[in-house]
Amino acid sequence: MKADFWKNNPVTVIIIAIQVIVYVMMTLAGGSENSVILLRFGALQAGLVHAGEWWRLITPVFVHIGFAHILINSITLYFIGMYVEQLFGHWRMVAIYFISALTGNLLSAYWLPTGISAGASTAIFGLFGAFIMLGLSFRDNQAIRILSRQFLILVVLNIVTDLMVPGIDLAGHIGGLFGGFLAAYMVAAPRLGRVNVIERLLATVVLLAGVVALFIKVS
């Protein structure tokens, strides 16, 4: 069973393994809630991105603030990543995950110019967005449609929670959600069927335009 999970979901397993390793290293270095350690390991801070440290638009997905943070994100990634990777394929999963991380962290850097943020949730929300795309594109598939609705409800509940609880990066979540939704259209899901070419083209144009506009805003 474990071997089958690794064979079917290597990207999900590797991402979780990396973030756990990073968390252990941060803990040993001085604590994952220490702002100095967070920045040293690649957390997002808009001023540093503005100074040319563009890698911070990706590295925050491997950095977590406290044990509860990494535990919740790892469990969530385990379940949603498993679905997305098997339905889209390994390399498309990579593309969706890191495009979502990029768009989420770009919007976060624009919206929160002075704060520090980290966590895989920007990319995880992108995986939710990818599943919503599947629900729209393959609505005749009952199983996909039901799962898509369930994930949509989960997204709505999370956004409501974000609005009520201080300190949560709502901008990063929304940016990741839309990034994943558009990226899923761009890469399509040939394992399930064809996606409308015009919709793919439009999503690609909107995604690229949004990324460029945010780059300009935070640079």
Protein backbone atom coordinates (compact mmCIF):
# COMPACT_ATOMS: atom_id res chain seq x y z
CA MET A 1 0.00 0.00 0.00
CA LYS A 2 2.78 2.43 0.92
CA ALA A 3 4.72 1.48 -2.20
CA ASP A 4 1.62 2.07 -4.34
CA PHE A 5 1.08 5.50 -2.79
CA TRP A 6 4.69 6.48 -3.56
CA LYS A 7 4.38 5.17 -7.11
CA ASN A 8 1.12 7.01 -7.77
CA ASN A 9 1.89 10.24 -5.88
CA PRO A 10 5.66 10.90 -5.91
CA VAL A 11 5.29 14.69 -6.22
CA THR A 12 2.99 14.91 -3.21
CA VAL A 13 5.28 12.69 -1.14
CA ILE A 14 8.43 14.63 -2.07
CA ILE A 15 6.86 18.02 -1.31
CA ILE A 16 5.65 16.85 2.11
CA ALA A 17 9.05 15.30 2.85
CA ILE A 18 10.89 18.52 1.94
CA GLN A 19 8.69 20.70 4.13
CA VAL A 20 9.09 18.31 7.07
CA ILE A 21 12.88 18.33 6.64
CA VAL A 22 12.88 22.14 6.46
CA TYR A 23 10.74 22.32 9.61
CA VAL A 24 13.16 20.07 11.51
CA MET A 25 16.12 22.14 10.34
CA MET A 26 14.39 25.36 11.41
CA THR A 27 13.59 23.89 14.82
CA LEU A 28 17.20 22.89 15.33
CA ALA A 29 18.42 26.29 14.09
CA GLY A 30 16.42 28.24 16.66
CA GLY A 31 12.72 27.68 16.18
CA SER A 32 10.19 27.86 13.37
CA GLU A 33 8.40 30.81 15.00
CA ASN A 34 11.53 32.95 15.15
CA SER A 35 11.31 35.68 12.50
CA VAL A 36 15.07 35.64 11.89
CA ILE A 37 15.00 31.88 11.28
CA LEU A 38 11.91 32.19 9.10
CA LEU A 39 13.60 34.72 6.83
CA ARG A 40 16.84 32.73 6.79
CA PHE A 41 14.97 29.69 5.48
CA GLY A 42 13.07 31.59 2.79
CA ALA A 43 9.86 33.05 4.25
CA LEU A 44 8.16 35.81 2.28
CA GLN A 45 8.83 39.45 3.05
CA ALA A 46 7.88 41.98 0.39
CA GLY A 47 10.82 44.29 1.07
CA LEU A 48 13.29 41.47 0.42
CA VAL A 49 11.51 40.53 -2.80
CA HIS A 50 11.71 44.18 -3.84
CA ALA A 51 15.45 44.03 -3.10
CA GLY A 52 15.85 41.23 -5.63
CA GLU A 53 15.30 38.05 -3.61
CA TRP A 54 12.73 36.69 -6.06
CA TRP A 55 13.14 33.12 -4.86
CA ARG A 56 11.03 34.11 -1.86
CA LEU A 57 8.00 33.89 -4.15
CA ILE A 58 8.48 30.10 -4.17
CA THR A 59 10.45 29.07 -1.06
CA PRO A 60 7.73 30.03 1.47
CA VAL A 61 5.73 26.91 0.54
CA PHE A 62 8.39 24.82 2.29
CA VAL A 63 8.53 27.01 5.39
CA HIS A 64 6.02 26.72 8.25
CA ILE A 65 5.40 28.66 11.43
CA GLY A 66 4.96 26.24 14.31
CA PHE A 67 4.02 22.56 14.56
CA ALA A 68 0.26 23.03 14.08
CA HIS A 69 0.90 24.93 10.86
CA ILE A 70 2.97 22.21 9.21
CA LEU A 71 0.74 19.43 10.55
CA ILE A 72 -2.47 20.90 9.10
CA ASN A 73 -0.85 21.80 5.78
CA SER A 74 0.81 18.40 5.41
CA ILE A 75 -2.42 16.51 6.10
CA THR A 76 -4.37 18.74 3.70
CA LEU A 77 -1.70 18.39 1.01
CA TYR A 78 -1.70 14.61 1.47
CA PHE A 79 -5.39 14.33 0.61
CA ILE A 80 -5.87 17.03 -2.06
CA GLY A 81 -2.45 16.36 -3.60
CA MET A 82 -3.29 12.69 -4.02
CA TYR A 83 -6.41 13.54 -6.03
CA VAL A 84 -4.82 16.25 -8.15
CA GLU A 85 -1.68 14.27 -8.96
CA GLN A 86 -3.60 11.18 -10.07
CA LEU A 87 -6.09 13.15 -12.16
CA PHE A 88 -3.67 15.61 -13.79
CA GLY A 89 -0.44 13.62 -13.76
CA HIS A 90 2.87 14.23 -12.01
CA TRP A 91 4.36 17.07 -14.06
CA ARG A 92 1.06 18.92 -14.34
CA MET A 93 0.76 18.65 -10.56
CA VAL A 94 4.21 20.28 -10.27
CA ALA A 95 3.18 23.09 -12.62
CA ILE A 96 -0.12 23.77 -10.84
CA TYR A 97 1.45 23.63 -7.38
CA PHE A 98 4.29 26.06 -8.03
CA ILE A 99 2.33 28.42 -10.26
CA SER A 100 -0.18 28.66 -7.41
CA ALA A 101 2.66 29.32 -4.97
CA LEU A 102 3.95 32.08 -7.25
CA THR A 103 0.60 33.82 -7.74
CA GLY A 104 -0.33 33.47 -4.06
CA ASN A 105 2.95 34.87 -2.82
CA LEU A 106 2.93 37.66 -5.40
CA LEU A 107 -0.50 38.81 -4.26
CA SER A 108 0.59 38.44 -0.63
CA ALA A 109 3.71 40.55 -1.23
CA TYR A 110 1.57 43.22 -2.89
CA TRP A 111 -1.17 43.16 -0.23
CA LEU A 112 1.07 42.80 2.85
CA PRO A 113 4.19 44.85 2.09
CA THR A 114 5.57 44.76 5.65
CA GLY A 115 4.65 41.37 7.09
CA ILE A 116 6.32 37.95 7.04
CA SER A 117 4.37 35.03 5.65
CA ALA A 118 5.08 31.37 4.99
CA GLY A 119 3.38 28.05 4.44
CA ALA A 120 2.15 25.69 1.75
CA SER A 121 -1.40 27.04 1.89
CA THR A 122 -0.94 29.33 -1.13
CA ALA A 123 -0.16 26.27 -3.26
CA ILE A 124 -2.76 24.09 -1.51
CA PHE A 125 -5.46 26.63 -2.33
CA GLY A 126 -4.22 26.38 -5.90
CA LEU A 127 -4.89 22.64 -5.83
CA PHE A 128 -8.41 23.42 -4.63
CA GLY A 129 -8.70 25.82 -7.56
CA ALA A 130 -7.54 23.09 -9.93
CA PHE A 131 -10.26 20.79 -8.66
CA ILE A 132 -12.89 23.49 -9.12
CA MET A 133 -11.68 23.75 -12.73
CA LEU A 134 -12.23 20.00 -13.13
CA GLY A 135 -15.76 20.37 -11.80
CA LEU A 136 -16.53 22.99 -14.44
CA SER A 137 -14.79 21.26 -17.34
CA PHE A 138 -15.98 17.72 -16.62
CA ARG A 139 -19.38 18.36 -15.05
CA ASP A 140 -20.76 15.24 -16.76
CA ASN A 141 -18.46 13.15 -14.57
CA GLN A 142 -20.54 12.68 -11.43
CA ALA A 143 -17.63 11.73 -9.14
CA ILE A 144 -15.57 14.76 -10.23
CA ARG A 145 -18.58 17.05 -9.90
CA ILE A 146 -19.34 15.88 -6.35
CA LEU A 147 -15.71 16.16 -5.21
CA SER A 148 -15.41 19.59 -6.80
CA ARG A 149 -18.44 20.83 -4.90
CA GLN A 150 -17.07 19.46 -1.64
CA PHE A 151 -13.74 21.22 -2.18
CA LEU A 152 -15.54 24.43 -3.13
CA ILE A 153 -17.44 24.33 0.16
CA LEU A 154 -14.15 23.77 1.98
CA VAL A 155 -12.62 26.78 0.20
CA VAL A 156 -15.55 29.00 1.19
CA LEU A 157 -15.32 27.86 4.83
CA ASN A 158 -11.57 28.54 4.84
CA ILE A 159 -11.99 32.03 3.40
CA VAL A 160 -14.67 32.84 5.98
CA THR A 161 -12.26 31.65 8.68
CA ASP A 162 -9.51 33.80 7.16
CA LEU A 163 -11.76 36.84 7.47
CA MET A 164 -12.52 36.13 11.11
CA VAL A 165 -9.10 35.06 12.39
CA PRO A 166 -6.30 37.68 12.48
CA GLY A 167 -2.85 36.83 11.16
CA ILE A 168 -3.94 34.56 8.30
CA ASP A 169 -2.70 35.46 4.82
CA LEU A 170 -6.01 35.83 2.99
CA ALA A 171 -4.36 37.48 -0.02
CA GLY A 172 -1.99 34.54 -0.42
CA HIS A 173 -4.88 32.08 -0.28
CA ILE A 174 -6.95 33.95 -2.86
CA GLY A 175 -3.95 34.45 -5.14
CA GLY A 176 -3.12 30.75 -4.94
CA LEU A 177 -6.73 29.74 -5.55
CA PHE A 178 -7.05 31.73 -8.76
CA GLY A 179 -3.54 30.81 -9.87
CA GLY A 180 -4.30 27.11 -9.53
CA PHE A 181 -7.67 27.49 -11.24
CA LEU A 182 -6.11 29.20 -14.27
CA ALA A 183 -3.03 26.96 -14.32
CA ALA A 184 -5.28 23.89 -14.39
CA TYR A 185 -6.97 25.20 -17.52
CA MET A 186 -3.58 25.97 -19.03
CA VAL A 187 -2.09 22.49 -18.53
CA ALA A 188 -5.46 20.68 -18.97
CA ALA A 189 -6.25 17.16 -17.75
CA PRO A 190 -5.78 14.68 -20.60
CA ARG A 191 -6.32 11.74 -18.25
CA LEU A 192 -9.95 12.83 -17.96
CA GLY A 193 -10.59 14.22 -21.42
CA ARG A 194 -10.27 17.31 -23.60
CA VAL A 195 -10.59 20.85 -22.30
CA ASN A 196 -11.97 23.58 -24.56
CA VAL A 197 -9.07 25.18 -26.45
CA ILE A 198 -10.50 28.71 -26.21
CA GLU A 199 -10.91 28.35 -22.45
CA ARG A 200 -7.30 27.12 -22.15
CA LEU A 201 -6.01 30.03 -24.22
CA LEU A 202 -8.04 32.60 -22.29
CA ALA A 203 -6.90 31.18 -18.94
CA THR A 204 -3.26 31.25 -20.07
CA VAL A 205 -3.50 34.88 -21.18
CA VAL A 206 -5.21 35.96 -17.94
CA LEU A 207 -2.69 34.04 -15.83
CA LEU A 208 0.34 35.50 -17.58
CA ALA A 209 -1.12 39.02 -17.53
CA GLY A 210 -1.86 38.73 -13.82
CA VAL A 211 1.61 37.45 -12.97
CA VAL A 212 3.29 40.21 -14.99
CA ALA A 213 1.09 42.90 -13.42
CA LEU A 214 1.87 41.67 -9.90
CA PHE A 215 5.58 41.42 -10.68
CA ILE A 216 5.52 45.05 -11.73
CA LYS A 217 3.64 46.05 -8.58
CA VAL A 218 6.07 44.36 -6.15
CA SER A 219 9.31 45.08 -8.00
